[in-house]
């Protein structure tokens, strides 16, 4: 009994240490995302501004700096963290369920479908003002995945690796189709000023993010993380194939609908806030596997943390890479993700 208690205390201590380290890493990333930008603000100034706002301290700092930190940079960094974590978790879920290392929301057409749904609401006026942009993106993302899955099934792929390969090809085709529909809607319904703003947003844009956006971003990321953690053993079982998971008592239909629906919803709602940010769900889960292994007990929290840090870092680069200009964050993630995609393709070819 004493040995059992000692083991339990050891596990608890290890979990506490990992949680504390994760909070520290995320806190440092948020601090960097708040301090580094078009104009650099010293870290101590950032900490003083946060202390003034949160704890009612009275540190003497410039009011302009305090306004930039609190109203602009901090909500931007927190939203980037939530978006990165959600997209990385979506990639983990899709790669595990489909057993395909290339599965991720951007390549599966979910991001493109969500963009189309959002543009239909904001530009084409679908719903007559009674439907929010987030709801339009959610319906668009889920519809896109449904069409992609239907196309893969209609192609007669069957099951196994062939089916997962077919669904990736169907996702790429669906992504191109929804991107074309989005461009058509913008060309037909938007004026030149709207078109410029929407096209910049579609490439991934955090410039317009404010505190109001966190009321959606934070709950979506947290709920998605909790659902994934509750199903980590199920995702481990899917690693051996759907048949193996079913033999272990997993309800395949309900589980797949819940997890794929969660991944689609997380992606779509984040797209409604920051636009279509590609390759996060592809790059981050593979990096997490290399660092922490394939067990979802480690992979899910690691992917969420790395995704948050990765997108905060990408946002910093988008603001500092070209002096005087802010690049769309999707450009940065694609510059990193596209070479990783090529490496994965080459690795898959060697494994055949």
Protein backbone atom coordinates (compact mmCIF):
# COMPACT_ATOMS: atom_id res chain seq x y z
CA UNK A 1 0.00 0.00 0.00
CA UNK A 2 2.83 2.39 0.83
CA UNK A 3 4.47 1.70 -2.52
CA UNK A 4 1.17 2.44 -4.27
CA UNK A 5 0.80 5.76 -2.47
CA UNK A 6 4.42 6.62 -3.28
CA UNK A 7 3.81 5.83 -6.97
CA UNK A 8 0.67 8.00 -6.95
CA UNK A 9 2.56 10.87 -5.34
CA UNK A 10 5.34 10.50 -7.91
CA UNK A 11 2.88 10.63 -10.82
CA UNK A 12 1.11 13.64 -9.28
CA UNK A 13 4.43 15.44 -8.74
CA UNK A 14 5.49 14.75 -12.32
CA UNK A 15 2.13 15.97 -13.66
CA UNK A 16 2.34 19.11 -11.51
CA UNK A 17 5.89 19.82 -12.72
CA UNK A 18 4.89 19.39 -16.36
CA UNK A 19 1.84 21.64 -15.91
CA UNK A 20 3.95 24.31 -14.24
CA UNK A 21 6.54 24.11 -17.02
CA UNK A 22 3.82 24.36 -19.68
CA UNK A 23 2.32 27.43 -18.00
CA UNK A 24 5.78 29.00 -17.78
CA UNK A 25 6.55 28.36 -21.47
CA UNK A 26 3.15 29.68 -22.56
CA UNK A 27 3.52 32.72 -20.30
CA UNK A 28 6.94 33.54 -21.76
CA UNK A 29 5.57 33.16 -25.29
CA UNK A 30 2.67 35.50 -24.50
CA UNK A 31 5.09 37.98 -22.95
CA UNK A 32 7.26 37.88 -26.08
CA UNK A 33 4.20 38.25 -28.34
CA UNK A 34 3.13 41.31 -26.34
CA UNK A 35 6.56 42.96 -26.17
CA UNK A 36 7.89 42.32 -29.69
CA UNK A 37 6.27 43.99 -32.66
CA UNK A 38 6.48 46.91 -35.03
CA UNK A 39 7.72 48.92 -32.04
CA UNK A 40 9.55 46.99 -29.34
CA UNK A 41 8.37 47.54 -25.79
CA UNK A 42 10.64 46.49 -22.89
CA UNK A 43 9.54 43.39 -20.98
CA UNK A 44 9.46 45.24 -17.67
CA UNK A 45 7.11 47.82 -19.21
CA UNK A 46 4.79 45.02 -20.34
CA UNK A 47 4.80 43.48 -16.86
CA UNK A 48 4.14 46.88 -15.26
CA UNK A 49 1.22 47.54 -17.62
CA UNK A 50 -0.31 44.15 -16.83
CA UNK A 51 0.13 44.72 -13.10
CA UNK A 52 -1.58 48.11 -13.40
CA UNK A 53 -4.55 46.65 -15.27
CA UNK A 54 -4.98 43.34 -13.46
CA UNK A 55 -3.88 44.05 -9.89
CA UNK A 56 -4.54 47.79 -9.73
CA UNK A 57 -0.87 48.68 -9.29
CA UNK A 58 0.33 52.18 -10.02
CA UNK A 59 3.60 51.79 -11.91
CA UNK A 60 4.54 54.94 -13.83
CA UNK A 61 4.50 54.00 -17.53
CA UNK A 62 3.59 55.80 -20.72
CA UNK A 63 -0.17 55.72 -21.32
CA UNK A 64 0.35 55.09 -25.04
CA UNK A 65 2.50 52.04 -24.30
CA UNK A 66 -0.05 50.80 -21.81
CA UNK A 67 -2.82 51.21 -24.36
CA UNK A 68 -0.86 49.34 -27.05
CA UNK A 69 -0.06 46.51 -24.65
CA UNK A 70 -3.55 46.05 -23.19
CA UNK A 71 -5.85 46.91 -26.11
CA UNK A 72 -3.82 45.58 -29.04
CA UNK A 73 -0.87 43.29 -28.36
CA UNK A 74 -2.08 41.14 -25.45
CA UNK A 75 -5.44 40.11 -26.99
CA UNK A 76 -3.61 39.44 -30.25
CA UNK A 77 -1.10 37.15 -28.53
CA UNK A 78 -3.78 35.28 -26.56
CA UNK A 79 -5.89 34.78 -29.69
CA UNK A 80 -2.85 33.50 -31.58
CA UNK A 81 -2.20 31.01 -28.77
CA UNK A 82 -5.81 29.77 -28.82
CA UNK A 83 -5.85 29.51 -32.61
CA UNK A 84 -2.53 27.65 -32.73
CA UNK A 85 -3.60 25.20 -30.02
CA UNK A 86 -6.97 24.52 -31.69
CA UNK A 87 -5.50 23.96 -35.15
CA UNK A 88 -2.77 21.67 -33.78
CA UNK A 89 -5.35 19.61 -31.88
CA UNK A 90 -7.47 19.36 -35.02
CA UNK A 91 -4.44 17.99 -36.86
CA UNK A 92 -3.79 15.41 -34.13
CA UNK A 93 -7.41 14.20 -34.27
CA UNK A 94 -7.58 13.97 -38.07
CA UNK A 95 -4.20 12.26 -38.41
CA UNK A 96 -5.11 9.71 -35.75
CA UNK A 97 -8.60 8.90 -37.01
CA UNK A 98 -7.63 8.77 -40.68
CA UNK A 99 -4.21 7.19 -40.00
CA UNK A 100 -2.64 9.55 -42.50
CA UNK A 101 0.28 11.85 -41.60
CA UNK A 102 -0.87 14.43 -44.16
CA UNK A 103 -4.35 14.91 -42.69
CA UNK A 104 -4.91 18.42 -41.37
CA UNK A 105 -7.74 21.01 -41.57
CA UNK A 106 -6.14 23.14 -44.31
CA UNK A 107 -5.45 20.25 -46.70
CA UNK A 108 -8.80 18.60 -45.90
CA UNK A 109 -10.73 21.62 -47.15
CA UNK A 110 -12.22 22.48 -43.74
CA UNK A 111 -10.50 25.89 -43.60
CA UNK A 112 -11.57 26.68 -47.17
CA UNK A 113 -15.17 25.69 -46.46
CA UNK A 114 -15.21 27.81 -43.30
CA UNK A 115 -13.87 30.79 -45.28
CA UNK A 116 -16.63 30.35 -47.85
CA UNK A 117 -19.28 30.22 -45.11
CA UNK A 118 -17.91 33.35 -43.45
CA UNK A 119 -17.75 35.26 -46.74
CA UNK A 120 -21.30 34.20 -47.66
CA UNK A 121 -22.53 35.80 -44.43
CA UNK A 122 -20.39 38.96 -44.41
CA UNK A 123 -20.20 39.79 -48.12
CA UNK A 124 -23.16 38.09 -49.81
CA UNK A 125 -25.46 38.84 -46.86
CA UNK A 126 -26.67 35.28 -46.41
CA UNK A 127 -29.08 35.12 -43.48
CA UNK A 128 -30.11 38.76 -43.75
CA UNK A 129 -28.05 39.82 -40.76
CA UNK A 130 -29.56 37.15 -38.50
CA UNK A 131 -26.62 34.76 -38.93
CA UNK A 132 -23.24 35.55 -37.39
CA UNK A 133 -19.94 35.19 -39.23
CA UNK A 134 -18.84 32.49 -36.78
CA UNK A 135 -21.97 30.43 -37.39
CA UNK A 136 -21.53 30.78 -41.15
CA UNK A 137 -17.93 29.59 -40.86
CA UNK A 138 -19.00 26.66 -38.66
CA UNK A 139 -21.62 25.49 -41.17
CA UNK A 140 -19.17 25.98 -44.03
CA UNK A 141 -16.42 23.97 -42.36
CA UNK A 142 -18.68 21.05 -41.43
CA UNK A 143 -20.27 21.07 -44.90
CA UNK A 144 -16.84 21.03 -46.52
CA UNK A 145 -15.70 17.99 -44.56
CA UNK A 146 -18.99 16.22 -45.27
CA UNK A 147 -18.57 16.79 -49.00
CA UNK A 148 -14.94 15.68 -48.92
CA UNK A 149 -15.80 12.50 -46.99
CA UNK A 150 -18.68 11.82 -49.40
CA UNK A 151 -16.43 12.29 -52.42
CA UNK A 152 -13.83 9.93 -50.97
CA UNK A 153 -16.52 7.31 -50.26
CA UNK A 154 -18.03 7.69 -53.75
CA UNK A 155 -14.60 7.05 -55.27
CA UNK A 156 -14.77 3.49 -53.95
CA UNK A 157 -11.68 3.77 -51.77
CA UNK A 158 -12.82 1.09 -49.36
CA UNK A 159 -10.93 1.14 -46.07
CA UNK A 160 -7.38 1.31 -44.75
CA UNK A 161 -4.52 3.35 -46.14
CA UNK A 162 -6.08 3.61 -49.59
CA UNK A 163 -9.17 5.24 -48.10
CA UNK A 164 -7.10 7.72 -46.08
CA UNK A 165 -5.13 8.59 -49.21
CA UNK A 166 -8.33 9.11 -51.18
CA UNK A 167 -9.78 11.44 -48.57
CA UNK A 168 -6.63 13.60 -48.69
CA UNK A 169 -6.96 13.89 -52.48
CA UNK A 170 -10.66 14.66 -52.08
CA UNK A 171 -9.75 17.30 -49.48
CA UNK A 172 -7.33 19.04 -51.83
CA UNK A 173 -9.98 19.05 -54.57
CA UNK A 174 -12.61 20.35 -52.14
CA UNK A 175 -10.25 23.04 -50.89
CA UNK A 176 -9.69 24.33 -54.41
CA UNK A 177 -13.42 24.31 -55.12
CA UNK A 178 -14.31 26.27 -51.98
CA UNK A 179 -11.48 28.73 -52.60
CA UNK A 180 -12.88 29.31 -56.09
CA UNK A 181 -16.38 29.86 -54.68
CA UNK A 182 -15.00 32.33 -52.15
CA UNK A 183 -13.16 34.27 -54.85
CA UNK A 184 -16.31 34.34 -57.00
CA UNK A 185 -18.41 35.72 -54.12
CA UNK A 186 -15.83 38.42 -53.35
CA UNK A 187 -15.53 39.43 -57.02
CA UNK A 188 -19.30 39.57 -57.49
CA UNK A 189 -20.46 41.12 -54.22
CA UNK A 190 -17.61 43.10 -52.64
CA UNK A 191 -16.36 46.57 -53.53
CA UNK A 192 -12.65 47.18 -53.99
CA UNK A 193 -12.05 48.20 -50.38
CA UNK A 194 -13.94 45.18 -49.02
CA UNK A 195 -12.12 42.88 -51.43
CA UNK A 196 -8.69 44.06 -50.23
CA UNK A 197 -9.63 43.59 -46.58
CA UNK A 198 -11.18 40.17 -47.10
CA UNK A 199 -8.31 38.85 -49.22
CA UNK A 200 -5.85 39.94 -46.50
CA UNK A 201 -8.04 38.27 -43.86
CA UNK A 202 -8.25 35.06 -45.87
CA UNK A 203 -4.46 34.72 -45.69
CA UNK A 204 -4.61 34.91 -41.91
CA UNK A 205 -4.83 38.23 -40.12
CA UNK A 206 -4.63 39.03 -36.42
CA UNK A 207 -4.53 42.81 -36.82
CA UNK A 208 -8.22 43.31 -36.07
CA UNK A 209 -8.33 41.04 -33.03
CA UNK A 210 -9.59 42.62 -29.81
CA UNK A 211 -10.76 41.43 -26.37
CA UNK A 212 -14.27 40.64 -27.65
CA UNK A 213 -12.81 37.91 -29.87
CA UNK A 214 -11.46 36.07 -26.82
CA UNK A 215 -15.00 35.28 -25.67
CA UNK A 216 -15.08 32.83 -28.59
CA UNK A 217 -11.41 31.87 -29.01
CA UNK A 218 -10.66 30.84 -25.40
CA UNK A 219 -13.73 28.60 -24.83
CA UNK A 220 -13.30 26.92 -28.23
CA UNK A 221 -9.65 26.05 -27.51
CA UNK A 222 -10.36 24.88 -23.94
CA UNK A 223 -13.42 22.78 -24.82
CA UNK A 224 -11.57 21.23 -27.76
CA UNK A 225 -8.61 20.38 -25.51
CA UNK A 226 -10.87 18.80 -22.88
CA UNK A 227 -12.71 16.67 -25.46
CA UNK A 228 -9.41 15.48 -26.92
CA UNK A 229 -8.01 14.64 -23.46
CA UNK A 230 -11.15 12.67 -22.59
CA UNK A 231 -10.67 10.61 -25.75
CA UNK A 232 -6.89 10.13 -25.64
CA UNK A 233 -7.15 6.36 -25.08
CA UNK A 234 -9.64 6.08 -27.93
CA UNK A 235 -7.23 7.92 -30.22
CA UNK A 236 -4.48 5.51 -29.15
CA UNK A 237 -6.76 2.63 -30.16
CA UNK A 238 -7.39 4.18 -33.58
CA UNK A 239 -3.64 4.12 -34.14
CA UNK A 240 -3.98 0.36 -34.72
CA UNK A 241 -6.89 0.79 -37.13
CA UNK A 242 -10.64 1.19 -36.87
CA UNK A 243 -11.16 -2.58 -36.65
CA UNK A 244 -8.80 -2.81 -33.67
CA UNK A 245 -10.55 0.10 -31.98
CA UNK A 246 -13.94 -1.58 -32.49
CA UNK A 247 -12.62 -4.83 -31.01
CA UNK A 248 -11.67 -2.88 -27.88
CA UNK A 249 -15.27 -1.70 -27.49
CA UNK A 250 -15.02 1.73 -29.14
CA UNK A 251 -18.25 2.95 -30.70
CA UNK A 252 -16.76 3.87 -34.08
CA UNK A 253 -19.62 5.91 -35.51
CA UNK A 254 -20.28 8.04 -32.43
CA UNK A 255 -16.59 8.58 -31.71
CA UNK A 256 -15.70 9.57 -35.27
CA UNK A 257 -18.64 11.98 -35.51
CA UNK A 258 -17.77 13.59 -32.17
CA UNK A 259 -14.02 13.94 -32.75
CA UNK A 260 -14.17 14.96 -36.41
CA UNK A 261 -17.02 17.33 -35.56
CA UNK A 262 -14.88 18.83 -32.78
CA UNK A 263 -11.90 19.25 -35.12
CA UNK A 264 -14.09 20.83 -37.80
CA UNK A 265 -15.78 23.16 -35.30
CA UNK A 266 -12.48 24.29 -33.77
CA UNK A 267 -11.03 25.01 -37.20
CA UNK A 268 -14.10 26.79 -38.54
CA UNK A 269 -14.57 29.04 -35.50
CA UNK A 270 -10.90 30.00 -35.48
CA UNK A 271 -11.11 30.77 -39.21
CA UNK A 272 -13.98 33.16 -38.43
CA UNK A 273 -11.63 35.10 -36.12
CA UNK A 274 -8.25 35.05 -37.86
CA UNK A 275 -8.86 33.69 -41.37
CA UNK A 276 -7.48 30.55 -42.98
CA UNK A 277 -4.10 29.79 -41.39
CA UNK A 278 -2.53 26.80 -43.07
CA UNK A 279 -0.14 24.01 -42.09
CA UNK A 280 -0.31 24.48 -38.30
CA UNK A 281 -2.25 21.23 -37.98
CA UNK A 282 0.32 19.49 -40.16
CA UNK A 283 3.63 20.71 -38.75
CA UNK A 284 2.94 20.89 -35.01
CA UNK A 285 1.62 17.33 -34.37
CA UNK A 286 4.63 15.82 -36.16
CA UNK A 287 7.01 18.00 -34.17
CA UNK A 288 5.25 16.92 -30.97
CA UNK A 289 5.56 13.23 -31.95
CA UNK A 290 9.28 13.62 -32.55
CA UNK A 291 9.74 15.28 -29.16
CA UNK A 292 7.25 13.42 -26.93
CA UNK A 293 6.28 10.17 -28.69
CA UNK A 294 3.01 8.90 -30.13
CA UNK A 295 1.02 8.27 -26.94
CA UNK A 296 -1.87 10.74 -26.91
CA UNK A 297 -1.48 11.21 -23.16
CA UNK A 298 1.65 13.21 -24.03
CA UNK A 299 0.85 14.15 -27.63
CA UNK A 300 -2.39 16.09 -27.03
CA UNK A 301 -1.13 18.60 -24.39
CA UNK A 302 2.24 18.88 -26.15
CA UNK A 303 0.59 19.66 -29.49
CA UNK A 304 -1.68 22.27 -27.89
CA UNK A 305 1.30 23.98 -26.23
CA UNK A 306 3.55 23.82 -29.30
CA UNK A 307 0.71 25.04 -31.52
CA UNK A 308 0.15 28.05 -29.27
CA UNK A 309 3.86 28.91 -29.15
CA UNK A 310 4.28 28.30 -32.90
CA UNK A 311 1.50 30.70 -33.89
CA UNK A 312 2.63 33.37 -31.42
CA UNK A 313 6.13 33.10 -32.93
CA UNK A 314 4.70 33.24 -36.46
CA UNK A 315 2.76 36.38 -35.52
CA UNK A 316 5.93 37.99 -34.19
CA UNK A 317 7.69 37.21 -37.48
CA UNK A 318 4.76 38.59 -39.48
CA UNK A 319 5.16 41.94 -37.72
CA UNK A 320 8.96 42.16 -37.75
CA UNK A 321 10.19 40.37 -40.88
CA UNK A 322 9.66 43.40 -43.14
CA UNK A 323 10.21 46.77 -41.51
CA UNK A 324 7.11 48.96 -41.64
CA UNK A 325 4.84 46.19 -42.97
CA UNK A 326 2.70 43.46 -41.42
CA UNK A 327 2.53 40.21 -43.37
CA UNK A 328 -0.50 37.91 -43.18
CA UNK A 329 0.28 35.23 -40.61
CA UNK A 330 -0.76 32.55 -43.09
CA UNK A 331 2.20 33.52 -45.26
CA UNK A 332 4.60 32.75 -42.41
CA UNK A 333 3.00 29.42 -41.53
CA UNK A 334 2.95 28.39 -45.19
CA UNK A 335 6.62 29.27 -45.64
CA UNK A 336 7.38 26.91 -42.77
CA UNK A 337 4.71 24.32 -43.51
CA UNK A 338 5.23 23.81 -47.23
CA UNK A 339 8.80 22.48 -46.88
CA UNK A 340 7.63 20.24 -44.01
CA UNK A 341 4.86 18.94 -46.29
CA UNK A 342 7.46 18.09 -48.93
CA UNK A 343 9.61 16.27 -46.35
CA UNK A 344 6.61 14.21 -45.22
CA UNK A 345 5.82 13.24 -48.80
CA UNK A 346 9.40 12.06 -49.32
CA UNK A 347 9.36 10.09 -46.06
CA UNK A 348 6.09 8.41 -47.04
CA UNK A 349 7.57 7.47 -50.42
CA UNK A 350 10.62 5.86 -48.78
CA UNK A 351 8.42 3.86 -46.41
CA UNK A 352 6.53 2.19 -49.27
